[in-house]
């Protein structure tokens, strides 16, 4: 009798632990989807190792500048580039494939991705030699990026010049593949975003590579006589 009574007590002792384990498992599974969604948004802003952040701990300061879109003064093929500060709106992108002019912020951070496209400070400033790499969310500012095709013209406006590019290559790569986003000696513009997926999570990136066609630096304003 004592043995039977002992055996009947054991299930009552371990039952609460068993139920708790099941509940934890269910909650963990339920959280996988939101976590994957957040990770996708975190990874899209440049590759993880190329992300940039402010040099101090004072927090992000967003500077919404007015970008010159129609300049009527003198221009030249060479000129002076104004390097932007982290969090600064320093350019806009426009082309036939986009319904709007896309604002470009200097630096990669979630707050900036909500306001426009982002360019890491690890890439070349527009107007200088190298690879200028810009990314944005596929469900916001780069929704129409997949509409671009070879030969399309892209114009990037800054407050120091206007730069024209031609799409020369359509690209698709995994999130862990850095060959398209690393610095290069070749002067080009690389635009990319996540590939759309009905499940909300994908490790594939899609975009375009553009070769520079024209540089038009704005002439400095003449001092009033």
N, C-alpha and C. Protein backbone atom coordinates (compact mmCIF):
# COMPACT_ATOMS: atom_id res chain seq x y z
N UNK A 1 0.83 -1.20 0.00
CA UNK A 1 0.00 0.00 0.00
C UNK A 1 0.87 1.25 0.00
N UNK A 2 1.93 1.28 0.79
CA UNK A 2 2.79 2.46 0.86
C UNK A 2 3.46 2.76 -0.47
N UNK A 3 3.82 1.69 -1.20
CA UNK A 3 4.45 1.86 -2.51
C UNK A 3 3.49 2.48 -3.50
N UNK A 4 2.23 2.04 -3.50
CA UNK A 4 1.21 2.58 -4.41
C UNK A 4 0.94 4.05 -4.08
N UNK A 5 0.91 4.37 -2.79
CA UNK A 5 0.65 5.74 -2.39
C UNK A 5 1.79 6.65 -2.82
N UNK A 6 3.01 6.15 -2.71
CA UNK A 6 4.18 6.92 -3.13
C UNK A 6 4.16 7.19 -4.62
N UNK A 7 3.79 6.15 -5.38
CA UNK A 7 3.74 6.30 -6.84
C UNK A 7 2.67 7.28 -7.27
N UNK A 8 1.57 7.35 -6.52
CA UNK A 8 0.48 8.25 -6.90
C UNK A 8 0.82 9.71 -6.58
N UNK A 9 1.74 9.92 -5.68
CA UNK A 9 2.13 11.30 -5.31
C UNK A 9 3.08 11.90 -6.35
N UNK A 10 3.90 11.07 -6.98
CA UNK A 10 4.91 11.54 -7.93
C UNK A 10 4.31 12.37 -9.07
N UNK A 11 3.23 11.90 -9.74
CA UNK A 11 2.65 12.70 -10.83
C UNK A 11 2.19 14.07 -10.36
N UNK A 12 1.66 14.17 -9.15
CA UNK A 12 1.18 15.46 -8.63
C UNK A 12 2.33 16.43 -8.41
N UNK A 13 3.49 15.89 -8.09
CA UNK A 13 4.65 16.76 -7.86
C UNK A 13 5.19 17.33 -9.16
N UNK A 14 5.27 16.47 -10.19
CA UNK A 14 5.88 16.90 -11.45
C UNK A 14 4.90 17.52 -12.43
N UNK A 15 3.62 17.40 -12.20
CA UNK A 15 2.61 17.94 -13.13
C UNK A 15 2.76 19.45 -13.35
N UNK A 16 2.93 20.26 -12.28
CA UNK A 16 3.07 21.71 -12.50
C UNK A 16 4.29 22.07 -13.36
N UNK A 17 5.40 21.33 -13.15
CA UNK A 17 6.60 21.60 -13.95
C UNK A 17 6.36 21.25 -15.41
N UNK A 18 5.64 20.17 -15.64
CA UNK A 18 5.34 19.73 -17.00
C UNK A 18 4.47 20.76 -17.71
N UNK A 19 3.44 21.25 -17.02
CA UNK A 19 2.54 22.25 -17.61
C UNK A 19 3.29 23.55 -17.91
N UNK A 20 4.17 23.94 -16.98
CA UNK A 20 4.97 25.16 -17.18
C UNK A 20 5.87 25.04 -18.40
N UNK A 21 6.47 23.87 -18.58
CA UNK A 21 7.35 23.65 -19.73
C UNK A 21 6.58 23.76 -21.04
N UNK A 22 5.36 23.23 -21.05
CA UNK A 22 4.54 23.31 -22.26
C UNK A 22 4.19 24.76 -22.57
N UNK A 23 3.83 25.53 -21.54
CA UNK A 23 3.48 26.94 -21.74
C UNK A 23 4.65 27.74 -22.28
N UNK A 24 5.84 27.47 -21.73
CA UNK A 24 7.04 28.17 -22.20
C UNK A 24 7.31 27.86 -23.67
N UNK A 25 7.12 26.61 -24.05
CA UNK A 25 7.35 26.19 -25.44
C UNK A 25 6.39 26.91 -26.38
N UNK A 26 5.13 27.00 -25.97
CA UNK A 26 4.12 27.65 -26.82
C UNK A 26 4.45 29.13 -27.00
N UNK A 27 4.83 29.80 -25.91
CA UNK A 27 5.16 31.22 -25.97
C UNK A 27 6.39 31.45 -26.85
N UNK A 28 7.38 30.56 -26.73
CA UNK A 28 8.61 30.69 -27.52
C UNK A 28 8.31 30.61 -29.01
N UNK A 29 7.47 29.66 -29.38
CA UNK A 29 7.09 29.50 -30.79
C UNK A 29 6.35 30.73 -31.28
N UNK A 30 5.48 31.27 -30.43
CA UNK A 30 4.68 32.44 -30.82
C UNK A 30 5.55 33.67 -31.04
N UNK A 31 6.71 33.74 -30.34
CA UNK A 31 7.58 34.90 -30.44
C UNK A 31 8.56 34.82 -31.59
N UNK A 32 8.69 33.67 -32.22
CA UNK A 32 9.64 33.49 -33.31
C UNK A 32 9.33 34.44 -34.46
N UNK A 33 8.06 34.57 -34.83
CA UNK A 33 7.67 35.40 -35.97
C UNK A 33 7.98 36.87 -35.74
N UNK A 34 7.55 37.47 -34.59
CA UNK A 34 7.91 38.87 -34.35
C UNK A 34 9.41 39.10 -34.32
N UNK A 35 10.15 38.14 -33.74
CA UNK A 35 11.61 38.29 -33.69
C UNK A 35 12.21 38.31 -35.08
N UNK A 36 11.75 37.40 -35.95
CA UNK A 36 12.25 37.36 -37.31
C UNK A 36 11.95 38.65 -38.05
N UNK A 37 10.78 39.22 -37.79
CA UNK A 37 10.39 40.47 -38.45
C UNK A 37 11.33 41.60 -38.01
N UNK A 38 11.60 41.68 -36.71
CA UNK A 38 12.49 42.73 -36.21
C UNK A 38 13.90 42.54 -36.73
N UNK A 39 14.34 41.31 -36.82
CA UNK A 39 15.69 41.03 -37.30
C UNK A 39 15.82 41.44 -38.76
N UNK A 40 14.75 41.22 -39.55
CA UNK A 40 14.78 41.60 -40.96
C UNK A 40 14.99 43.10 -41.10
N UNK A 41 14.27 43.89 -40.29
CA UNK A 41 14.39 45.33 -40.36
C UNK A 41 15.74 45.81 -39.87
N UNK A 42 16.32 45.09 -38.93
CA UNK A 42 17.64 45.47 -38.42
C UNK A 42 18.73 45.17 -39.44
N UNK A 43 18.60 44.06 -40.15
CA UNK A 43 19.64 43.64 -41.09
C UNK A 43 19.60 44.41 -42.39
N UNK A 44 18.46 44.97 -42.77
CA UNK A 44 18.34 45.60 -44.08
C UNK A 44 19.20 46.84 -44.21
N UNK A 45 19.42 47.54 -43.08
CA UNK A 45 20.20 48.76 -43.14
C UNK A 45 21.69 48.44 -43.20
N UNK A 46 22.15 48.08 -44.40
CA UNK A 46 23.54 47.72 -44.62
C UNK A 46 23.84 46.40 -43.92
N UNK A 47 24.92 45.77 -44.25
CA UNK A 47 25.29 44.54 -43.60
C UNK A 47 25.74 44.83 -42.17
N UNK A 48 25.50 43.88 -41.27
CA UNK A 48 25.74 44.11 -39.84
C UNK A 48 27.12 44.70 -39.55
N UNK A 49 28.15 44.17 -40.18
CA UNK A 49 29.51 44.61 -39.87
C UNK A 49 29.83 45.97 -40.46
N UNK A 50 28.97 46.47 -41.36
CA UNK A 50 29.21 47.76 -41.97
C UNK A 50 28.31 48.84 -41.40
N UNK A 51 27.47 48.48 -40.41
CA UNK A 51 26.61 49.49 -39.80
C UNK A 51 27.44 50.52 -39.06
N UNK A 52 26.92 51.73 -39.05
CA UNK A 52 27.63 52.81 -38.39
C UNK A 52 26.75 53.42 -37.32
N UNK A 53 27.37 54.04 -36.35
CA UNK A 53 26.62 54.70 -35.29
C UNK A 53 27.35 55.97 -34.90
N UNK A 54 26.66 56.90 -34.26
CA UNK A 54 27.33 58.13 -33.86
C UNK A 54 28.55 57.85 -33.00
N UNK A 55 29.55 58.74 -33.09
CA UNK A 55 30.79 58.52 -32.37
C UNK A 55 30.65 58.79 -30.88
N UNK A 56 29.54 59.45 -30.46
CA UNK A 56 29.37 59.71 -29.04
C UNK A 56 28.10 59.05 -28.55
N UNK A 57 27.84 59.18 -27.26
CA UNK A 57 26.68 58.54 -26.65
C UNK A 57 25.55 59.54 -26.39
N UNK A 58 25.58 60.67 -27.08
CA UNK A 58 24.59 61.71 -26.84
C UNK A 58 23.25 61.41 -27.51
N UNK A 59 23.21 60.38 -28.34
CA UNK A 59 21.96 60.03 -29.02
C UNK A 59 21.93 60.54 -30.45
N UNK A 60 20.94 60.08 -31.18
CA UNK A 60 20.82 60.43 -32.59
C UNK A 60 20.21 61.82 -32.76
N UNK A 61 20.86 62.63 -33.59
CA UNK A 61 20.33 63.95 -33.95
C UNK A 61 20.02 63.92 -35.44
N UNK A 62 18.75 64.02 -35.79
CA UNK A 62 18.32 63.98 -37.18
C UNK A 62 18.26 65.40 -37.74
N UNK A 63 18.92 65.61 -38.87
CA UNK A 63 18.92 66.91 -39.51
C UNK A 63 18.20 66.82 -40.84
N UNK A 64 17.00 67.38 -40.91
CA UNK A 64 16.21 67.34 -42.13
C UNK A 64 16.48 68.59 -42.96
N UNK A 65 17.48 68.51 -43.82
CA UNK A 65 17.84 69.64 -44.67
C UNK A 65 16.93 69.73 -45.88
N UNK A 66 16.91 70.89 -46.50
CA UNK A 66 16.22 71.06 -47.77
C UNK A 66 17.24 70.86 -48.88
N UNK A 67 17.03 69.84 -49.73
CA UNK A 67 17.97 69.51 -50.78
C UNK A 67 17.63 70.27 -52.06
N UNK A 68 18.65 70.84 -52.69
CA UNK A 68 18.46 71.56 -53.94
C UNK A 68 18.08 70.57 -55.04
N UNK A 69 16.90 70.75 -55.62
CA UNK A 69 16.44 69.83 -56.67
C UNK A 69 16.50 70.45 -58.06
N UNK A 70 16.46 71.77 -58.12
CA UNK A 70 16.52 72.46 -59.42
C UNK A 70 17.53 73.60 -59.33
N UNK A 71 18.74 73.31 -59.78
CA UNK A 71 19.81 74.30 -59.74
C UNK A 71 19.99 74.89 -61.13
N UNK A 72 20.04 76.20 -61.21
CA UNK A 72 20.12 76.87 -62.52
C UNK A 72 21.45 77.59 -62.73
N UNK A 73 22.35 77.50 -61.76
CA UNK A 73 23.63 78.18 -61.89
C UNK A 73 24.65 77.38 -62.68
N UNK A 74 25.88 77.84 -62.63
CA UNK A 74 26.97 77.19 -63.35
C UNK A 74 27.37 75.89 -62.64
N UNK A 75 27.80 74.92 -63.43
CA UNK A 75 28.26 73.64 -62.87
C UNK A 75 29.58 73.24 -63.52
N UNK A 76 30.26 72.29 -62.90
CA UNK A 76 31.51 71.76 -63.45
C UNK A 76 31.60 70.28 -63.14
N UNK A 77 32.43 69.56 -63.90
CA UNK A 77 32.56 68.12 -63.72
C UNK A 77 33.29 67.77 -62.44
N UNK A 78 34.07 68.68 -61.94
CA UNK A 78 34.80 68.46 -60.69
C UNK A 78 34.39 69.54 -59.68
N UNK A 79 34.53 69.21 -58.43
CA UNK A 79 34.14 70.16 -57.41
C UNK A 79 34.40 69.66 -56.02
N UNK A 80 33.86 70.36 -55.07
CA UNK A 80 34.10 70.04 -53.67
C UNK A 80 32.89 69.33 -53.06
N UNK A 81 33.15 68.21 -52.40
CA UNK A 81 32.10 67.43 -51.73
C UNK A 81 31.99 67.87 -50.27
N UNK A 82 30.77 67.98 -49.80
CA UNK A 82 30.53 68.31 -48.40
C UNK A 82 30.14 67.02 -47.68
N UNK A 83 31.03 66.53 -46.84
CA UNK A 83 30.76 65.27 -46.13
C UNK A 83 29.68 65.49 -45.08
N UNK A 84 28.60 64.70 -45.11
CA UNK A 84 27.49 64.89 -44.17
C UNK A 84 27.81 64.37 -42.78
N UNK A 85 27.02 64.78 -41.81
CA UNK A 85 27.12 64.29 -40.45
C UNK A 85 26.13 63.16 -40.24
N UNK A 86 26.39 62.32 -39.25
CA UNK A 86 25.50 61.19 -38.98
C UNK A 86 24.08 61.71 -38.68
N UNK A 87 23.09 61.11 -39.33
CA UNK A 87 21.70 61.52 -39.13
C UNK A 87 21.26 62.66 -40.01
N UNK A 88 22.10 63.07 -40.95
CA UNK A 88 21.77 64.22 -41.80
C UNK A 88 21.15 63.79 -43.13
N UNK A 89 20.09 64.46 -43.52
CA UNK A 89 19.50 64.29 -44.85
C UNK A 89 20.41 65.05 -45.82
N UNK A 90 21.09 64.30 -46.70
CA UNK A 90 22.08 64.97 -47.53
C UNK A 90 21.87 64.75 -49.03
N UNK A 91 20.88 63.95 -49.40
CA UNK A 91 20.65 63.69 -50.82
C UNK A 91 19.22 63.21 -51.07
N UNK A 92 18.83 63.24 -52.33
CA UNK A 92 17.56 62.64 -52.75
C UNK A 92 17.82 61.83 -54.02
N UNK A 93 17.07 60.74 -54.16
CA UNK A 93 17.18 59.88 -55.35
C UNK A 93 15.88 59.95 -56.12
N UNK A 94 15.98 60.11 -57.42
CA UNK A 94 14.78 60.09 -58.25
C UNK A 94 15.07 59.38 -59.56
N UNK A 95 14.05 58.72 -60.08
CA UNK A 95 14.13 58.06 -61.38
C UNK A 95 12.73 57.69 -61.81
N UNK A 96 12.60 57.21 -63.02
CA UNK A 96 11.28 56.89 -63.56
C UNK A 96 10.62 55.74 -62.81
N UNK A 97 11.43 54.89 -62.17
CA UNK A 97 10.88 53.74 -61.47
C UNK A 97 10.28 54.06 -60.12
N UNK A 98 10.62 55.23 -59.56
CA UNK A 98 10.10 55.61 -58.25
C UNK A 98 8.98 56.62 -58.39
N UNK A 99 7.94 56.46 -57.57
CA UNK A 99 6.83 57.40 -57.59
C UNK A 99 7.16 58.69 -56.84
N UNK A 100 8.19 58.64 -55.98
CA UNK A 100 8.55 59.80 -55.18
C UNK A 100 10.06 59.99 -55.21
N UNK A 101 10.49 61.19 -54.82
CA UNK A 101 11.92 61.42 -54.62
C UNK A 101 12.28 60.83 -53.26
N UNK A 102 13.21 59.92 -53.23
CA UNK A 102 13.57 59.22 -52.00
C UNK A 102 14.64 60.00 -51.24
N UNK A 103 14.36 60.40 -50.00
CA UNK A 103 15.38 61.09 -49.19
C UNK A 103 16.45 60.12 -48.73
N UNK A 104 17.69 60.57 -48.69
CA UNK A 104 18.80 59.72 -48.27
C UNK A 104 19.47 60.33 -47.04
N UNK A 105 19.52 59.55 -45.96
CA UNK A 105 20.15 59.98 -44.72
C UNK A 105 21.52 59.32 -44.58
N UNK A 106 22.44 60.05 -43.98
CA UNK A 106 23.79 59.54 -43.78
C UNK A 106 23.84 58.77 -42.47
N UNK A 107 24.07 57.47 -42.56
CA UNK A 107 24.10 56.62 -41.38
C UNK A 107 23.01 55.57 -41.44
N UNK A 108 23.22 54.48 -40.73
CA UNK A 108 22.27 53.36 -40.71
C UNK A 108 21.70 53.19 -39.31
N UNK A 109 20.44 53.50 -39.16
CA UNK A 109 19.78 53.38 -37.87
C UNK A 109 18.29 53.26 -38.12
N UNK A 110 17.57 52.54 -37.25
CA UNK A 110 16.16 52.28 -37.46
C UNK A 110 15.35 53.58 -37.59
N UNK A 111 15.69 54.59 -36.76
CA UNK A 111 14.94 55.85 -36.82
C UNK A 111 15.09 56.51 -38.19
N UNK A 112 16.27 56.37 -38.80
CA UNK A 112 16.50 56.97 -40.11
C UNK A 112 15.80 56.19 -41.21
N UNK A 113 15.75 54.86 -41.06
CA UNK A 113 15.07 54.03 -42.06
C UNK A 113 13.57 54.33 -42.12
N UNK A 114 13.02 54.83 -41.03
CA UNK A 114 11.61 55.18 -41.02
C UNK A 114 11.35 56.49 -41.77
N UNK A 115 12.42 57.27 -42.00
CA UNK A 115 12.27 58.56 -42.66
C UNK A 115 12.74 58.55 -44.11
N UNK A 116 13.51 57.53 -44.51
CA UNK A 116 14.01 57.49 -45.87
C UNK A 116 14.98 56.34 -46.08
N UNK A 117 15.79 56.46 -47.13
CA UNK A 117 16.84 55.48 -47.38
C UNK A 117 18.05 55.84 -46.54
N UNK A 118 18.93 54.86 -46.31
CA UNK A 118 20.11 55.09 -45.46
C UNK A 118 21.39 54.70 -46.19
N UNK A 119 22.41 55.49 -45.97
CA UNK A 119 23.73 55.16 -46.49
C UNK A 119 24.71 55.09 -45.34
N UNK A 120 25.43 53.98 -45.24
CA UNK A 120 26.40 53.82 -44.17
C UNK A 120 27.61 54.71 -44.42
N UNK A 121 28.18 55.22 -43.36
CA UNK A 121 29.38 56.05 -43.49
C UNK A 121 30.59 55.21 -43.89
N UNK A 122 30.40 53.89 -44.00
CA UNK A 122 31.47 53.03 -44.49
C UNK A 122 31.57 53.02 -46.00
N UNK A 123 30.62 53.65 -46.70
CA UNK A 123 30.65 53.68 -48.16
C UNK A 123 31.03 55.07 -48.64
N UNK A 124 31.18 55.22 -49.96
CA UNK A 124 31.68 56.47 -50.54
C UNK A 124 30.58 57.54 -50.57
N UNK A 125 30.93 58.75 -50.20
CA UNK A 125 30.01 59.88 -50.31
C UNK A 125 29.71 60.13 -51.79
N UNK A 126 28.48 60.44 -52.10
CA UNK A 126 28.11 60.74 -53.48
C UNK A 126 29.00 61.86 -54.01
N UNK A 127 29.60 61.63 -55.19
CA UNK A 127 30.50 62.61 -55.78
C UNK A 127 31.96 62.30 -55.58
N UNK A 128 32.26 61.22 -54.82
CA UNK A 128 33.65 60.80 -54.63
C UNK A 128 33.84 59.43 -55.27
N UNK A 129 35.09 59.01 -55.37
CA UNK A 129 35.39 57.70 -55.94
C UNK A 129 35.02 56.60 -54.97
N UNK A 130 34.49 55.50 -55.50
CA UNK A 130 34.16 54.36 -54.66
C UNK A 130 32.73 53.91 -54.81
N UNK A 131 32.33 53.02 -53.93
CA UNK A 131 31.02 52.40 -53.97
C UNK A 131 30.09 53.08 -52.96
N UNK A 132 29.09 53.80 -53.46
CA UNK A 132 28.09 54.43 -52.60
C UNK A 132 26.92 53.46 -52.46
N UNK A 133 26.74 52.92 -51.25
CA UNK A 133 25.74 51.87 -51.04
C UNK A 133 24.59 52.41 -50.20
N UNK A 134 23.38 52.30 -50.75
CA UNK A 134 22.20 52.86 -50.10
C UNK A 134 21.12 51.79 -50.00
N UNK A 135 20.47 51.68 -48.84
CA UNK A 135 19.41 50.70 -48.66
C UNK A 135 18.19 51.36 -48.03
N UNK A 136 17.04 50.68 -48.16
CA UNK A 136 15.80 51.17 -47.56
C UNK A 136 14.84 50.00 -47.42
N UNK A 137 13.77 50.20 -46.66
CA UNK A 137 12.79 49.14 -46.46
C UNK A 137 12.05 48.84 -47.77
N UNK A 138 11.78 47.57 -48.00
CA UNK A 138 11.08 47.16 -49.21
C UNK A 138 9.61 47.56 -49.18
N UNK A 139 9.06 47.75 -47.99
CA UNK A 139 7.64 48.10 -47.90
C UNK A 139 7.42 49.60 -47.73
N UNK A 140 8.50 50.39 -47.90
CA UNK A 140 8.34 51.85 -47.81
C UNK A 140 9.01 52.52 -49.01
N UNK A 141 10.23 53.04 -48.80
CA UNK A 141 10.86 53.88 -49.81
C UNK A 141 11.44 53.12 -51.00
N UNK A 142 11.75 51.84 -50.84
CA UNK A 142 12.28 51.06 -51.96
C UNK A 142 11.29 50.00 -52.44
N UNK A 143 10.01 50.30 -52.29
CA UNK A 143 8.98 49.37 -52.77
C UNK A 143 9.11 49.12 -54.26
N UNK A 144 9.45 50.17 -55.02
CA UNK A 144 9.51 50.07 -56.48
C UNK A 144 10.91 49.80 -57.01
N UNK A 145 11.84 49.46 -56.13
CA UNK A 145 13.21 49.22 -56.59
C UNK A 145 13.27 48.09 -57.60
N UNK A 146 12.43 47.09 -57.44
CA UNK A 146 12.43 45.93 -58.35
C UNK A 146 11.93 46.29 -59.75
N UNK A 147 11.35 47.48 -59.91
CA UNK A 147 10.85 47.90 -61.22
C UNK A 147 11.98 48.41 -62.12
N UNK A 148 13.11 48.72 -61.52
CA UNK A 148 14.22 49.25 -62.31
C UNK A 148 14.78 48.18 -63.24
N UNK A 149 15.24 48.63 -64.39
CA UNK A 149 15.82 47.72 -65.38
C UNK A 149 17.09 48.34 -65.95
N UNK A 150 17.87 47.54 -66.63
CA UNK A 150 19.12 48.02 -67.21
C UNK A 150 18.84 49.19 -68.15
N UNK A 151 19.66 50.20 -68.04
CA UNK A 151 19.52 51.38 -68.89
C UNK A 151 18.75 52.52 -68.25
N UNK A 152 18.04 52.25 -67.14
CA UNK A 152 17.30 53.31 -66.46
C UNK A 152 18.28 54.33 -65.88
N UNK A 153 17.84 55.58 -65.88
CA UNK A 153 18.67 56.67 -65.38
C UNK A 153 18.22 57.07 -63.98
N UNK A 154 19.19 57.20 -63.09
CA UNK A 154 18.93 57.59 -61.70
C UNK A 154 19.68 58.89 -61.42
N UNK A 155 18.97 59.84 -60.83
CA UNK A 155 19.58 61.13 -60.50
C UNK A 155 19.65 61.29 -58.99
N UNK A 156 20.83 61.64 -58.51
CA UNK A 156 21.03 61.89 -57.09
C UNK A 156 21.37 63.37 -56.91
N UNK A 157 20.54 64.07 -56.17
CA UNK A 157 20.76 65.48 -55.90
C UNK A 157 21.30 65.68 -54.50
N UNK A 158 22.30 66.53 -54.39
CA UNK A 158 22.84 66.95 -53.09
C UNK A 158 22.88 68.48 -53.11
N UNK A 159 23.30 69.07 -52.02
CA UNK A 159 23.42 70.52 -51.99
C UNK A 159 24.76 71.02 -52.53
N UNK A 160 25.57 70.10 -53.04
CA UNK A 160 26.82 70.51 -53.68
C UNK A 160 26.91 70.05 -55.13
N UNK A 161 25.90 69.31 -55.61
CA UNK A 161 25.91 68.89 -57.00
C UNK A 161 24.83 67.88 -57.35
N UNK A 162 24.69 67.64 -58.64
CA UNK A 162 23.74 66.65 -59.15
C UNK A 162 24.52 65.58 -59.89
N UNK A 163 24.21 64.31 -59.60
CA UNK A 163 24.98 63.20 -60.14
C UNK A 163 24.05 62.20 -60.82
N UNK A 164 24.41 61.84 -62.05
CA UNK A 164 23.56 60.98 -62.87
C UNK A 164 24.20 59.61 -63.03
N UNK A 165 23.38 58.57 -62.86
CA UNK A 165 23.84 57.19 -62.96
C UNK A 165 22.95 56.40 -63.92
N UNK A 166 23.52 55.34 -64.47
CA UNK A 166 22.74 54.43 -65.33
C UNK A 166 22.78 53.02 -64.74
N UNK A 167 21.62 52.38 -64.66
CA UNK A 167 21.55 51.01 -64.14
C UNK A 167 22.24 50.07 -65.13
N UNK A 168 23.23 49.34 -64.64
CA UNK A 168 23.98 48.43 -65.51
C UNK A 168 23.84 46.96 -65.11
N UNK A 169 23.37 46.72 -63.89
CA UNK A 169 23.28 45.32 -63.42
C UNK A 169 22.19 45.18 -62.37
N UNK A 170 21.40 44.11 -62.50
CA UNK A 170 20.40 43.76 -61.49
C UNK A 170 21.03 42.69 -60.60
N UNK A 171 20.93 42.85 -59.30
CA UNK A 171 21.63 41.94 -58.41
C UNK A 171 20.68 41.27 -57.41
N UNK A 172 21.09 40.09 -56.97
CA UNK A 172 20.37 39.34 -55.94
C UNK A 172 21.43 38.61 -55.13
N UNK A 173 21.36 38.74 -53.81
CA UNK A 173 22.39 38.13 -52.97
C UNK A 173 21.84 37.86 -51.58
N UNK A 174 22.53 37.00 -50.84
CA UNK A 174 22.09 36.67 -49.49
C UNK A 174 22.59 37.72 -48.51
N UNK A 175 21.96 37.77 -47.34
CA UNK A 175 22.33 38.77 -46.34
C UNK A 175 23.77 38.62 -45.87
N UNK A 176 24.31 37.42 -45.95
CA UNK A 176 25.67 37.18 -45.50
C UNK A 176 26.72 37.44 -46.57
N UNK A 177 26.28 37.72 -47.79
CA UNK A 177 27.18 37.95 -48.92
C UNK A 177 27.47 39.44 -49.02
N UNK A 178 28.73 39.84 -48.82
CA UNK A 178 29.08 41.25 -48.77
C UNK A 178 29.70 41.77 -50.06
N UNK A 179 29.77 40.95 -51.11
CA UNK A 179 30.55 41.35 -52.28
C UNK A 179 30.02 42.60 -52.97
N UNK A 180 28.74 42.89 -52.84
CA UNK A 180 28.19 44.06 -53.50
C UNK A 180 28.25 45.32 -52.64
N UNK A 181 28.48 45.18 -51.36
CA UNK A 181 28.40 46.33 -50.46
C UNK A 181 29.74 46.78 -49.90
N UNK A 182 30.79 46.06 -50.19
CA UNK A 182 32.10 46.45 -49.67
C UNK A 182 32.66 47.61 -50.49
N UNK A 183 33.59 48.37 -49.91
CA UNK A 183 34.22 49.48 -50.65
C UNK A 183 34.92 48.98 -51.91
N UNK A 184 35.01 49.84 -52.91
CA UNK A 184 35.67 49.48 -54.15
C UNK A 184 36.35 50.70 -54.75
N UNK A 185 37.30 50.47 -55.63
CA UNK A 185 37.96 51.57 -56.33
C UNK A 185 37.07 52.10 -57.45
N UNK A 186 36.19 51.28 -57.93
CA UNK A 186 35.28 51.69 -59.00
C UNK A 186 34.20 52.63 -58.46
N UNK A 187 33.95 53.71 -59.19
CA UNK A 187 32.91 54.66 -58.79
C UNK A 187 31.56 54.16 -59.27
N UNK A 188 30.68 53.85 -58.32
CA UNK A 188 29.37 53.31 -58.67
C UNK A 188 28.38 53.56 -57.54
N UNK A 189 27.13 53.34 -57.86
CA UNK A 189 26.04 53.47 -56.89
C UNK A 189 25.35 52.12 -56.77
N UNK A 190 25.21 51.62 -55.55
CA UNK A 190 24.54 50.34 -55.30
C UNK A 190 23.32 50.59 -54.44
N UNK A 191 22.16 50.21 -54.95
CA UNK A 191 20.90 50.34 -54.21
C UNK A 191 20.36 48.95 -53.94
N UNK A 192 19.89 48.69 -52.72
CA UNK A 192 19.34 47.36 -52.45
C UNK A 192 18.31 47.40 -51.34
N UNK A 193 17.53 46.32 -51.27
CA UNK A 193 16.52 46.15 -50.23
C UNK A 193 16.27 44.66 -50.03
N UNK A 194 15.41 44.31 -49.09
CA UNK A 194 15.04 42.91 -48.91
C UNK A 194 14.11 42.47 -50.04
N UNK A 195 14.19 41.21 -50.39
CA UNK A 195 13.26 40.67 -51.35
C UNK A 195 11.91 40.45 -50.67
N UNK A 196 10.84 40.86 -51.33
CA UNK A 196 9.52 40.71 -50.74
C UNK A 196 9.20 39.25 -50.51
N UNK A 197 8.60 38.98 -49.35
CA UNK A 197 8.24 37.61 -48.99
C UNK A 197 6.94 37.66 -48.21
N UNK A 198 5.97 36.85 -48.62
CA UNK A 198 4.66 36.87 -47.96
C UNK A 198 4.75 36.42 -46.51
N UNK A 199 5.81 35.70 -46.16
CA UNK A 199 5.98 35.24 -44.77
C UNK A 199 6.63 36.31 -43.89
N UNK A 200 7.09 37.40 -44.51
CA UNK A 200 7.63 38.51 -43.74
C UNK A 200 9.08 38.36 -43.34
N UNK A 201 9.76 37.32 -43.79
CA UNK A 201 11.15 37.13 -43.41
C UNK A 201 11.92 36.51 -44.56
N UNK A 202 13.01 37.14 -44.95
CA UNK A 202 13.83 36.61 -46.03
C UNK A 202 15.27 37.04 -45.83
N UNK A 203 16.18 36.18 -46.21
CA UNK A 203 17.60 36.51 -46.14
C UNK A 203 18.13 36.96 -47.49
N UNK A 204 17.27 37.08 -48.48
CA UNK A 204 17.71 37.47 -49.81
C UNK A 204 17.55 38.97 -50.01
N UNK A 205 18.55 39.58 -50.64
CA UNK A 205 18.53 41.00 -50.97
C UNK A 205 18.48 41.16 -52.49
N UNK A 206 17.81 42.19 -52.94
CA UNK A 206 17.74 42.49 -54.37
C UNK A 206 18.05 43.97 -54.57
N UNK A 207 18.59 44.29 -55.74
CA UNK A 207 18.92 45.68 -55.99
C UNK A 207 19.52 45.90 -57.36
N UNK A 208 20.20 47.03 -57.50
CA UNK A 208 20.81 47.39 -58.78
C UNK A 208 22.19 48.01 -58.53
N UNK A 209 23.04 47.86 -59.54
CA UNK A 209 24.33 48.55 -59.56
C UNK A 209 24.27 49.56 -60.69
N UNK A 210 24.71 50.78 -60.41
CA UNK A 210 24.63 51.86 -61.39
C UNK A 210 26.01 52.48 -61.60
N UNK A 211 26.34 52.72 -62.85
CA UNK A 211 27.59 53.38 -63.18
C UNK A 211 27.35 54.88 -63.35
N UNK A 212 28.31 55.67 -62.88
CA UNK A 212 28.14 57.11 -62.95
C UNK A 212 28.29 57.59 -64.39
N UNK A 213 27.33 58.42 -64.82
CA UNK A 213 27.32 58.95 -66.17
C UNK A 213 27.78 60.40 -66.22
N UNK A 214 27.41 61.16 -65.18
CA UNK A 214 27.70 62.60 -65.22
C UNK A 214 27.80 63.17 -63.81
N UNK A 215 28.72 64.10 -63.63
CA UNK A 215 28.85 64.85 -62.39
C UNK A 215 28.66 66.32 -62.69
N UNK A 216 27.81 66.98 -61.93
CA UNK A 216 27.57 68.41 -62.12
C UNK A 216 27.66 69.09 -60.76
N UNK A 217 28.88 69.49 -60.39
CA UNK A 217 29.08 70.19 -59.13
C UNK A 217 28.60 71.63 -59.27
N UNK A 218 27.93 72.11 -58.24
CA UNK A 218 27.43 73.47 -58.27
C UNK A 218 28.58 74.46 -58.02
N UNK A 219 28.56 75.55 -58.78
CA UNK A 219 29.55 76.60 -58.57
C UNK A 219 29.24 77.34 -57.27
N UNK A 220 30.27 77.75 -56.57
CA UNK A 220 30.06 78.49 -55.33
C UNK A 220 29.44 79.85 -55.64
N UNK A 221 28.56 80.27 -54.76
CA UNK A 221 27.93 81.57 -54.97
C UNK A 221 28.95 82.68 -54.92
N UNK A 222 28.83 83.59 -55.85
CA UNK A 222 29.78 84.71 -55.89
C UNK A 222 29.46 85.70 -54.79
N UNK A 223 30.52 86.25 -54.24
CA UNK A 223 30.32 87.22 -53.20
C UNK A 223 29.72 88.50 -53.77
N UNK A 224 28.79 89.06 -53.06
CA UNK A 224 28.14 90.28 -53.53
C UNK A 224 29.15 91.41 -53.60
N UNK A 225 29.13 92.11 -54.73
CA UNK A 225 30.09 93.19 -54.93
C UNK A 225 29.64 94.46 -54.20
